[in-house]
PDB file of N, CA and C in Angstrom:
ATOM      1  N   MET A   1     -15.437  -8.384  19.381  1.00  0.00           N
ATOM      2  CA  MET A   1     -14.997  -9.463  18.510  1.00  0.00           C
ATOM      3  C   MET A   1     -15.084  -9.060  17.039  1.00  0.00           C
ATOM      4  N   VAL A   2     -16.012  -8.165  16.717  1.00  0.00           N
ATOM      5  CA  VAL A   2     -16.136  -7.687  15.339  1.00  0.00           C
ATOM      6  C   VAL A   2     -14.862  -6.969  14.911  1.00  0.00           C
ATOM      7  N   THR A   3     -14.293  -6.166  15.816  1.00  0.00           N
ATOM      8  CA  THR A   3     -13.062  -5.439  15.491  1.00  0.00           C
ATOM      9  C   THR A   3     -11.928  -6.409  15.191  1.00  0.00           C
ATOM     10  N   VAL A   4     -11.834  -7.493  15.948  1.00  0.00           N
ATOM     11  CA  VAL A   4     -10.785  -8.493  15.724  1.00  0.00           C
ATOM     12  C   VAL A   4     -10.937  -9.108  14.334  1.00  0.00           C
ATOM     13  N   ARG A   5     -12.157  -9.459  13.970  1.00  0.00           N
ATOM     14  CA  ARG A   5     -12.392 -10.068  12.650  1.00  0.00           C
ATOM     15  C   ARG A   5     -12.051  -9.113  11.506  1.00  0.00           C
ATOM     16  N   VAL A   6     -12.492  -7.869  11.627  1.00  0.00           N
ATOM     17  CA  VAL A   6     -12.208  -6.873  10.592  1.00  0.00           C
ATOM     18  C   VAL A   6     -10.709  -6.594  10.513  1.00  0.00           C
ATOM     19  N   PHE A   7     -10.078  -6.482  11.676  1.00  0.00           N
ATOM     20  CA  PHE A   7      -8.641  -6.249  11.760  1.00  0.00           C
ATOM     21  C   PHE A   7      -7.877  -7.337  11.003  1.00  0.00           C
ATOM     22  N   LEU A   8      -8.224  -8.595  11.250  1.00  0.00           N
ATOM     23  CA  LEU A   8      -7.550  -9.717  10.587  1.00  0.00           C
ATOM     24  C   LEU A   8      -7.904  -9.803   9.105  1.00  0.00           C
ATOM     25  N   ALA A   9      -9.146  -9.478   8.739  1.00  0.00           N
ATOM     26  CA  ALA A   9      -9.562  -9.519   7.334  1.00  0.00           C
ATOM     27  C   ALA A   9      -8.795  -8.484   6.507  1.00  0.00           C
ATOM     28  N   VAL A  10      -8.648  -7.274   7.029  1.00  0.00           N
ATOM     29  CA  VAL A  10      -7.894  -6.231   6.317  1.00  0.00           C
ATOM     30  C   VAL A  10      -6.426  -6.615   6.224  1.00  0.00           C
ATOM     31  N   THR A  11      -5.893  -7.181   7.310  1.00  0.00           N
ATOM     32  CA  THR A  11      -4.493  -7.620   7.319  1.00  0.00           C
ATOM     33  C   THR A  11      -4.244  -8.668   6.227  1.00  0.00           C
ATOM     34  N   ALA A  12      -5.141  -9.628   6.113  1.00  0.00           N
ATOM     35  CA  ALA A  12      -5.002 -10.672   5.095  1.00  0.00           C
ATOM     36  C   ALA A  12      -5.173 -10.104   3.687  1.00  0.00           C
ATOM     37  N   ALA A  13      -6.123  -9.202   3.516  1.00  0.00           N
ATOM     38  CA  ALA A  13      -6.381  -8.623   2.192  1.00  0.00           C
ATOM     39  C   ALA A  13      -5.192  -7.809   1.696  1.00  0.00           C
ATOM     40  N   LYS A  14      -4.490  -7.139   2.592  1.00  0.00           N
ATOM     41  CA  LYS A  14      -3.342  -6.319   2.211  1.00  0.00           C
ATOM     42  C   LYS A  14      -2.024  -7.106   2.264  1.00  0.00           C
ATOM     43  N   ASN A  15      -2.119  -8.384   2.654  1.00  0.00           N
ATOM     44  CA  ASN A  15      -0.962  -9.267   2.727  1.00  0.00           C
ATOM     45  C   ASN A  15       0.110  -8.728   3.685  1.00  0.00           C
ATOM     46  N   TRP A  16      -0.332  -8.161   4.807  1.00  0.00           N
ATOM     47  CA  TRP A  16       0.579  -7.653   5.824  1.00  0.00           C
ATOM     48  C   TRP A  16       0.925  -8.761   6.808  1.00  0.00           C
ATOM     49  N   GLU A  17       2.075  -8.653   7.399  1.00  0.00           N
ATOM     50  CA  GLU A  17       2.485  -9.594   8.436  1.00  0.00           C
ATOM     51  C   GLU A  17       1.891  -9.136   9.770  1.00  0.00           C
ATOM     52  N   PHE A  18       1.530 -10.102  10.622  1.00  0.00           N
ATOM     53  CA  PHE A  18       1.009  -9.737  11.934  1.00  0.00           C
ATOM     54  C   PHE A  18       1.503 -10.721  12.984  1.00  0.00           C
ATOM     55  N   TYR A  19       1.462 -10.273  14.230  1.00  0.00           N
ATOM     56  CA  TYR A  19       1.885 -11.093  15.358  1.00  0.00           C
ATOM     57  C   TYR A  19       0.813 -11.054  16.436  1.00  0.00           C
ATOM     58  N   GLN A  20       0.701 -12.146  17.150  1.00  0.00           N
ATOM     59  CA  GLN A  20      -0.186 -12.212  18.303  1.00  0.00           C
ATOM     60  C   GLN A  20       0.684 -12.407  19.531  1.00  0.00           C
ATOM     61  N   MET A  21       0.412 -11.654  20.575  1.00  0.00           N
ATOM     62  CA  MET A  21       1.191 -11.756  21.806  1.00  0.00           C
ATOM     63  C   MET A  21       0.236 -11.917  22.985  1.00  0.00           C
ATOM     64  N   ASP A  22       0.621 -12.749  23.915  1.00  0.00           N
ATOM     65  CA  ASP A  22      -0.150 -12.955  25.134  1.00  0.00           C
ATOM     66  C   ASP A  22       0.518 -12.168  26.257  1.00  0.00           C
ATOM     67  N   VAL A  23      -0.254 -11.400  26.987  1.00  0.00           N
ATOM     68  CA  VAL A  23       0.273 -10.612  28.096  1.00  0.00           C
ATOM     69  C   VAL A  23       0.069 -11.415  29.383  1.00  0.00           C
ATOM     70  N   HIS A  24       1.181 -11.768  30.019  1.00  0.00           N
ATOM     71  CA  HIS A  24       1.094 -12.496  31.281  1.00  0.00           C
ATOM     72  C   HIS A  24       0.864 -11.510  32.415  1.00  0.00           C
ATOM     73  N   ASN A  25       0.111 -11.929  33.393  1.00  0.00           N
ATOM     74  CA  ASN A  25      -0.193 -11.075  34.551  1.00  0.00           C
ATOM     75  C   ASN A  25      -0.875  -9.777  34.148  1.00  0.00           C
ATOM     76  N   ALA A  26      -1.833  -9.883  33.257  1.00  0.00           N
ATOM     77  CA  ALA A  26      -2.518  -8.688  32.777  1.00  0.00           C
ATOM     78  C   ALA A  26      -3.484  -8.126  33.811  1.00  0.00           C
ATOM     79  N   PHE A  27      -3.914  -8.937  34.721  1.00  0.00           N
ATOM     80  CA  PHE A  27      -4.895  -8.505  35.704  1.00  0.00           C
ATOM     81  C   PHE A  27      -4.265  -8.442  37.082  1.00  0.00           C
ATOM     82  N   LEU A  28      -4.598  -7.416  37.810  1.00  0.00           N
ATOM     83  CA  LEU A  28      -4.092  -7.236  39.162  1.00  0.00           C
ATOM     84  C   LEU A  28      -5.002  -7.990  40.123  1.00  0.00           C
ATOM     85  N   HIS A  29      -4.430  -8.893  40.886  1.00  0.00           N
ATOM     86  CA  HIS A  29      -5.210  -9.660  41.859  1.00  0.00           C
ATOM     87  C   HIS A  29      -4.947  -9.093  43.249  1.00  0.00           C
ATOM     88  N   GLY A  30      -5.544  -7.997  43.525  1.00  0.00           N
ATOM     89  CA  GLY A  30      -5.350  -7.365  44.817  1.00  0.00           C
ATOM     90  C   GLY A  30      -6.091  -6.053  44.867  1.00  0.00           C
ATOM     91  N   TYR A  31      -6.027  -5.417  46.011  1.00  0.00           N
ATOM     92  CA  TYR A  31      -6.717  -4.148  46.192  1.00  0.00           C
ATOM     93  C   TYR A  31      -5.704  -3.017  46.206  1.00  0.00           C
ATOM     94  N   LEU A  32      -6.023  -1.960  45.491  1.00  0.00           N
ATOM     95  CA  LEU A  32      -5.157  -0.793  45.456  1.00  0.00           C
ATOM     96  C   LEU A  32      -5.615   0.205  46.514  1.00  0.00           C
ATOM     97  N   THR A  33      -4.657   0.807  47.178  1.00  0.00           N
ATOM     98  CA  THR A  33      -4.989   1.817  48.179  1.00  0.00           C
ATOM     99  C   THR A  33      -4.682   3.219  47.668  1.00  0.00           C
ATOM    100  N   GLU A  34      -4.094   3.314  46.480  1.00  0.00           N
ATOM    101  CA  GLU A  34      -3.779   4.612  45.901  1.00  0.00           C
ATOM    102  C   GLU A  34      -4.295   4.668  44.467  1.00  0.00           C
ATOM    103  N   GLU A  35      -4.368   5.877  43.921  1.00  0.00           N
ATOM    104  CA  GLU A  35      -4.801   6.045  42.542  1.00  0.00           C
ATOM    105  C   GLU A  35      -3.673   5.671  41.594  1.00  0.00           C
ATOM    106  N   VAL A  36      -4.027   5.122  40.449  1.00  0.00           N
ATOM    107  CA  VAL A  36      -3.052   4.714  39.442  1.00  0.00           C
ATOM    108  C   VAL A  36      -3.317   5.522  38.175  1.00  0.00           C
ATOM    109  N   TYR A  37      -2.256   6.126  37.624  1.00  0.00           N
ATOM    110  CA  TYR A  37      -2.347   6.903  36.386  1.00  0.00           C
ATOM    111  C   TYR A  37      -1.507   6.216  35.315  1.00  0.00           C
ATOM    112  N   MET A  38      -2.002   6.230  34.088  1.00  0.00           N
ATOM    113  CA  MET A  38      -1.276   5.603  32.995  1.00  0.00           C
ATOM    114  C   MET A  38      -1.164   6.578  31.847  1.00  0.00           C
ATOM    115  N   LYS A  39      -0.082   6.443  31.058  1.00  0.00           N
ATOM    116  CA  LYS A  39       0.123   7.269  29.878  1.00  0.00           C
ATOM    117  C   LYS A  39       0.256   6.378  28.652  1.00  0.00           C
ATOM    118  N   ILE A  40      -0.191   6.887  27.526  1.00  0.00           N
ATOM    119  CA  ILE A  40       0.006   6.196  26.257  1.00  0.00           C
ATOM    120  C   ILE A  40       1.466   6.361  25.856  1.00  0.00           C
ATOM    121  N   LEU A  41       2.071   5.316  25.316  1.00  0.00           N
ATOM    122  CA  LEU A  41       3.475   5.340  24.908  1.00  0.00           C
ATOM    123  C   LEU A  41       3.733   6.416  23.862  1.00  0.00           C
ATOM    124  N   PRO A  42       4.958   6.958  23.826  1.00  0.00           N
ATOM    125  CA  PRO A  42       5.306   7.964  22.809  1.00  0.00           C
ATOM    126  C   PRO A  42       5.073   7.410  21.404  1.00  0.00           C
ATOM    127  N   GLY A  43       4.501   8.229  20.564  1.00  0.00           N
ATOM    128  CA  GLY A  43       4.208   7.805  19.193  1.00  0.00           C
ATOM    129  C   GLY A  43       2.781   7.340  19.017  1.00  0.00           C
ATOM    130  N   PHE A  44       2.199   6.773  20.061  1.00  0.00           N
ATOM    131  CA  PHE A  44       0.796   6.387  20.040  1.00  0.00           C
ATOM    132  C   PHE A  44       0.009   7.573  20.566  1.00  0.00           C
ATOM    133  N   GLN A  45      -0.942   8.039  19.790  1.00  0.00           N
ATOM    134  CA  GLN A  45      -1.669   9.233  20.173  1.00  0.00           C
ATOM    135  C   GLN A  45      -3.110   8.899  20.506  1.00  0.00           C
ATOM    136  N   LYS A  46      -3.656   9.629  21.458  1.00  0.00           N
ATOM    137  CA  LYS A  46      -5.073   9.478  21.734  1.00  0.00           C
ATOM    138  C   LYS A  46      -5.834  10.490  20.892  1.00  0.00           C
ATOM    139  N   GLY A  47      -7.095  10.274  20.745  1.00  0.00           N
ATOM    140  CA  GLY A  47      -7.911  11.240  20.025  1.00  0.00           C
ATOM    141  C   GLY A  47      -8.100  10.886  18.567  1.00  0.00           C
ATOM    142  N   ARG A  48      -8.357  11.882  17.773  1.00  0.00           N
ATOM    143  CA  ARG A  48      -8.772  11.696  16.397  1.00  0.00           C
ATOM    144  C   ARG A  48      -7.752  10.968  15.519  1.00  0.00           C
ATOM    145  N   ASP A  49      -6.479  11.322  15.618  1.00  0.00           N
ATOM    146  CA  ASP A  49      -5.496  10.767  14.698  1.00  0.00           C
ATOM    147  C   ASP A  49      -4.976   9.391  15.073  1.00  0.00           C
ATOM    148  N   GLY A  50      -5.018   9.000  16.370  1.00  0.00           N
ATOM    149  CA  GLY A  50      -4.347   7.778  16.751  1.00  0.00           C
ATOM    150  C   GLY A  50      -5.204   6.702  17.361  1.00  0.00           C
ATOM    151  N   GLN A  51      -6.467   6.992  17.668  1.00  0.00           N
ATOM    152  CA  GLN A  51      -7.282   5.971  18.331  1.00  0.00           C
ATOM    153  C   GLN A  51      -8.654   5.898  17.689  1.00  0.00           C
ATOM    154  N   SER A  52      -9.133   4.687  17.507  1.00  0.00           N
ATOM    155  CA  SER A  52     -10.418   4.474  16.870  1.00  0.00           C
ATOM    156  C   SER A  52     -11.557   4.945  17.768  1.00  0.00           C
ATOM    157  N   TYR A  53     -12.509   5.671  17.202  1.00  0.00           N
ATOM    158  CA  TYR A  53     -13.673   6.098  17.983  1.00  0.00           C
ATOM    159  C   TYR A  53     -14.627   4.933  18.242  1.00  0.00           C
ATOM    160  N   SER A  54     -14.643   3.960  17.357  1.00  0.00           N
ATOM    161  CA  SER A  54     -15.573   2.853  17.527  1.00  0.00           C
ATOM    162  C   SER A  54     -15.032   1.764  18.445  1.00  0.00           C
ATOM    163  N   ASP A  55     -13.726   1.689  18.638  1.00  0.00           N
ATOM    164  CA  ASP A  55     -13.145   0.689  19.531  1.00  0.00           C
ATOM    165  C   ASP A  55     -11.898   1.281  20.168  1.00  0.00           C
ATOM    166  N   TYR A  56     -11.970   1.543  21.461  1.00  0.00           N
ATOM    167  CA  TYR A  56     -10.868   2.203  22.158  1.00  0.00           C
ATOM    168  C   TYR A  56      -9.690   1.280  22.435  1.00  0.00           C
ATOM    169  N   SER A  57      -9.750   0.045  21.975  1.00  0.00           N
ATOM    170  CA  SER A  57      -8.616  -0.868  22.160  1.00  0.00           C
ATOM    171  C   SER A  57      -7.763  -0.979  20.895  1.00  0.00           C
ATOM    172  N   LEU A  58      -8.051  -0.160  19.895  1.00  0.00           N
ATOM    173  CA  LEU A  58      -7.282  -0.149  18.658  1.00  0.00           C
ATOM    174  C   LEU A  58      -6.409   1.104  18.628  1.00  0.00           C
ATOM    175  N   PHE A  59      -5.087   0.905  18.603  1.00  0.00           N
ATOM    176  CA  PHE A  59      -4.130   2.008  18.606  1.00  0.00           C
ATOM    177  C   PHE A  59      -3.348   2.013  17.301  1.00  0.00           C
ATOM    178  N   THR A  60      -3.000   3.214  16.850  1.00  0.00           N
ATOM    179  CA  THR A  60      -2.279   3.378  15.600  1.00  0.00           C
ATOM    180  C   THR A  60      -1.039   4.224  15.823  1.00  0.00           C
ATOM    181  N   TYR A  61       0.094   3.726  15.333  1.00  0.00           N
ATOM    182  CA  TYR A  61       1.354   4.479  15.339  1.00  0.00           C
ATOM    183  C   TYR A  61       1.636   4.846  13.890  1.00  0.00           C
ATOM    184  N   SER A  62       1.871   6.128  13.649  1.00  0.00           N
ATOM    185  CA  SER A  62       2.135   6.568  12.296  1.00  0.00           C
ATOM    186  C   SER A  62       3.206   7.649  12.312  1.00  0.00           C
ATOM    187  N   LYS A  63       4.280   7.405  11.575  1.00  0.00           N
ATOM    188  CA  LYS A  63       5.361   8.375  11.463  1.00  0.00           C
ATOM    189  C   LYS A  63       5.990   8.207  10.090  1.00  0.00           C
ATOM    190  N   GLN A  64       5.920   9.257   9.293  1.00  0.00           N
ATOM    191  CA  GLN A  64       6.396   9.240   7.913  1.00  0.00           C
ATOM    192  C   GLN A  64       5.765   8.064   7.169  1.00  0.00           C
ATOM    193  N   GLU A  65       6.556   7.123   6.687  1.00  0.00           N
ATOM    194  CA  GLU A  65       6.025   5.985   5.931  1.00  0.00           C
ATOM    195  C   GLU A  65       5.691   4.781   6.819  1.00  0.00           C
ATOM    196  N   THR A  66       5.980   4.879   8.108  1.00  0.00           N
ATOM    197  CA  THR A  66       5.775   3.763   9.025  1.00  0.00           C
ATOM    198  C   THR A  66       4.376   3.820   9.621  1.00  0.00           C
ATOM    199  N   ARG A  67       3.693   2.711   9.595  1.00  0.00           N
ATOM    200  CA  ARG A  67       2.370   2.624  10.209  1.00  0.00           C
ATOM    201  C   ARG A  67       2.225   1.262  10.884  1.00  0.00           C
ATOM    202  N   ILE A  68       1.897   1.292  12.164  1.00  0.00           N
ATOM    203  CA  ILE A  68       1.687   0.062  12.928  1.00  0.00           C
ATOM    204  C   ILE A  68       0.376   0.183  13.688  1.00  0.00           C
ATOM    205  N   ASN A  69      -0.382  -0.906  13.721  1.00  0.00           N
ATOM    206  CA  ASN A  69      -1.617  -0.966  14.484  1.00  0.00           C
ATOM    207  C   ASN A  69      -1.467  -1.995  15.597  1.00  0.00           C
ATOM    208  N   VAL A  70      -1.990  -1.653  16.767  1.00  0.00           N
ATOM    209  CA  VAL A  70      -2.001  -2.573  17.904  1.00  0.00           C
ATOM    210  C   VAL A  70      -3.437  -2.701  18.369  1.00  0.00           C
ATOM    211  N   LEU A  71      -3.937  -3.924  18.391  1.00  0.00           N
ATOM    212  CA  LEU A  71      -5.283  -4.200  18.872  1.00  0.00           C
ATOM    213  C   LEU A  71      -5.160  -4.963  20.180  1.00  0.00           C
ATOM    214  N   VAL A  72      -5.730  -4.416  21.239  1.00  0.00           N
ATOM    215  CA  VAL A  72      -5.693  -5.037  22.559  1.00  0.00           C
ATOM    216  C   VAL A  72      -7.021  -5.740  22.773  1.00  0.00           C
ATOM    217  N   TYR A  73      -6.951  -7.042  23.058  1.00  0.00           N
ATOM    218  CA  TYR A  73      -8.163  -7.820  23.301  1.00  0.00           C
ATOM    219  C   TYR A  73      -7.960  -8.640  24.571  1.00  0.00           C
ATOM    220  N   VAL A  74      -8.584  -8.233  25.649  1.00  0.00           N
ATOM    221  CA  VAL A  74      -8.458  -8.818  26.985  1.00  0.00           C
ATOM    222  C   VAL A  74      -6.981  -8.848  27.374  1.00  0.00           C
ATOM    223  N   ASP A  75      -6.313 -10.006  27.337  1.00  0.00           N
ATOM    224  CA  ASP A  75      -4.892 -10.067  27.687  1.00  0.00           C
ATOM    225  C   ASP A  75      -4.036 -10.460  26.481  1.00  0.00           C
ATOM    226  N   ASP A  76      -4.525 -10.147  25.288  1.00  0.00           N
ATOM    227  CA  ASP A  76      -3.796 -10.434  24.058  1.00  0.00           C
ATOM    228  C   ASP A  76      -3.569  -9.155  23.265  1.00  0.00           C
ATOM    229  N   LEU A  77      -2.480  -9.142  22.507  1.00  0.00           N
ATOM    230  CA  LEU A  77      -2.183  -8.040  21.598  1.00  0.00           C
ATOM    231  C   LEU A  77      -2.045  -8.614  20.196  1.00  0.00           C
ATOM    232  N   ILE A  78      -2.589  -7.914  19.215  1.00  0.00           N
ATOM    233  CA  ILE A  78      -2.359  -8.272  17.818  1.00  0.00           C
ATOM    234  C   ILE A  78      -1.668  -7.073  17.186  1.00  0.00           C
ATOM    235  N   LEU A  79      -0.479  -7.301  16.644  1.00  0.00           N
ATOM    236  CA  LEU A  79       0.329  -6.247  16.032  1.00  0.00           C
ATOM    237  C   LEU A  79       0.368  -6.470  14.534  1.00  0.00           C
ATOM    238  N   ARG A  80       0.209  -5.393  13.777  1.00  0.00           N
ATOM    239  CA  ARG A  80       0.384  -5.500  12.327  1.00  0.00           C
ATOM    240  C   ARG A  80       1.018  -4.222  11.833  1.00  0.00           C
ATOM    241  N   GLY A  81       1.698  -4.334  10.719  1.00  0.00           N
ATOM    242  CA  GLY A  81       2.328  -3.144  10.172  1.00  0.00           C
ATOM    243  C   GLY A  81       2.909  -3.397   8.810  1.00  0.00           C
ATOM    244  N   MET A  82       3.357  -2.322   8.197  1.00  0.00           N
ATOM    245  CA  MET A  82       3.882  -2.406   6.845  1.00  0.00           C
ATOM    246  C   MET A  82       5.381  -2.618   6.830  1.00  0.00           C
ATOM    247  N   ILE A  83       6.074  -2.400   7.958  1.00  0.00           N
ATOM    248  CA  ILE A  83       7.516  -2.584   8.015  1.00  0.00           C
ATOM    249  C   ILE A  83       7.829  -3.708   8.995  1.00  0.00           C
ATOM    250  N   ILE A  84       8.273  -4.812   8.486  1.00  0.00           N
ATOM    251  CA  ILE A  84       8.464  -6.032   9.270  1.00  0.00           C
ATOM    252  C   ILE A  84       9.514  -5.853  10.355  1.00  0.00           C
ATOM    253  N   GLU A  85      10.635  -5.212  10.067  1.00  0.00           N
ATOM    254  CA  GLU A  85      11.706  -5.063  11.053  1.00  0.00           C
ATOM    255  C   GLU A  85      11.233  -4.276  12.268  1.00  0.00           C
ATOM    256  N   LEU A  86      10.463  -3.217  12.043  1.00  0.00           N
ATOM    257  CA  LEU A  86       9.952  -2.415  13.150  1.00  0.00           C
ATOM    258  C   LEU A  86       8.964  -3.213  13.984  1.00  0.00           C
ATOM    259  N   LEU A  87       8.142  -4.010  13.334  1.00  0.00           N
ATOM    260  CA  LEU A  87       7.203  -4.881  14.058  1.00  0.00           C
ATOM    261  C   LEU A  87       7.962  -5.879  14.938  1.00  0.00           C
ATOM    262  N   ARG A  88       9.004  -6.465  14.399  1.00  0.00           N
ATOM    263  CA  ARG A  88       9.787  -7.432  15.173  1.00  0.00           C
ATOM    264  C   ARG A  88      10.461  -6.761  16.354  1.00  0.00           C
ATOM    265  N   THR A  89      10.955  -5.533  16.185  1.00  0.00           N
ATOM    266  CA  THR A  89      11.563  -4.793  17.284  1.00  0.00           C
ATOM    267  C   THR A  89      10.528  -4.479  18.352  1.00  0.00           C
ATOM    268  N   LEU A  90       9.354  -4.018  17.941  1.00  0.00           N
ATOM    269  CA  LEU A  90       8.284  -3.709  18.888  1.00  0.00           C
ATOM    270  C   LEU A  90       7.865  -4.952  19.653  1.00  0.00           C
ATOM    271  N   ARG A  91       7.871  -6.088  18.993  1.00  0.00           N
ATOM    272  CA  ARG A  91       7.475  -7.348  19.619  1.00  0.00           C
ATOM    273  C   ARG A  91       8.446  -7.755  20.736  1.00  0.00           C
ATOM    274  N   ARG A  92       9.737  -7.397  20.602  1.00  0.00           N
ATOM    275  CA  ARG A  92      10.741  -7.775  21.607  1.00  0.00           C
ATOM    276  C   ARG A  92      10.696  -6.886  22.841  1.00  0.00           C
ATOM    277  N   ILE A  93      10.061  -5.733  22.776  1.00  0.00           N
ATOM    278  CA  ILE A  93      10.056  -4.798  23.913  1.00  0.00           C
ATOM    279  C   ILE A  93       9.239  -5.374  25.057  1.00  0.00           C
TER     280      ILE A  93
END
């Protein structure tokens, strides 16, 4: 919860636009009989440059002048960025 508060405080201080999204069916209600593998989306990097060491639910996309942060909290996403059009496009995906 501390990460959420800091995330929103920095967003407000920098006067950035942000969106909150609810993920429907975020939890699987059943038993898996096989292994499941997942990959991070292109542009989002794991490790030092793209993911916070203190909170593994904070992702950063950075390319040239574009920077977007995605914070995953249970079944919610908070998106913020410096380019509004790109944020709106990401929100529609």
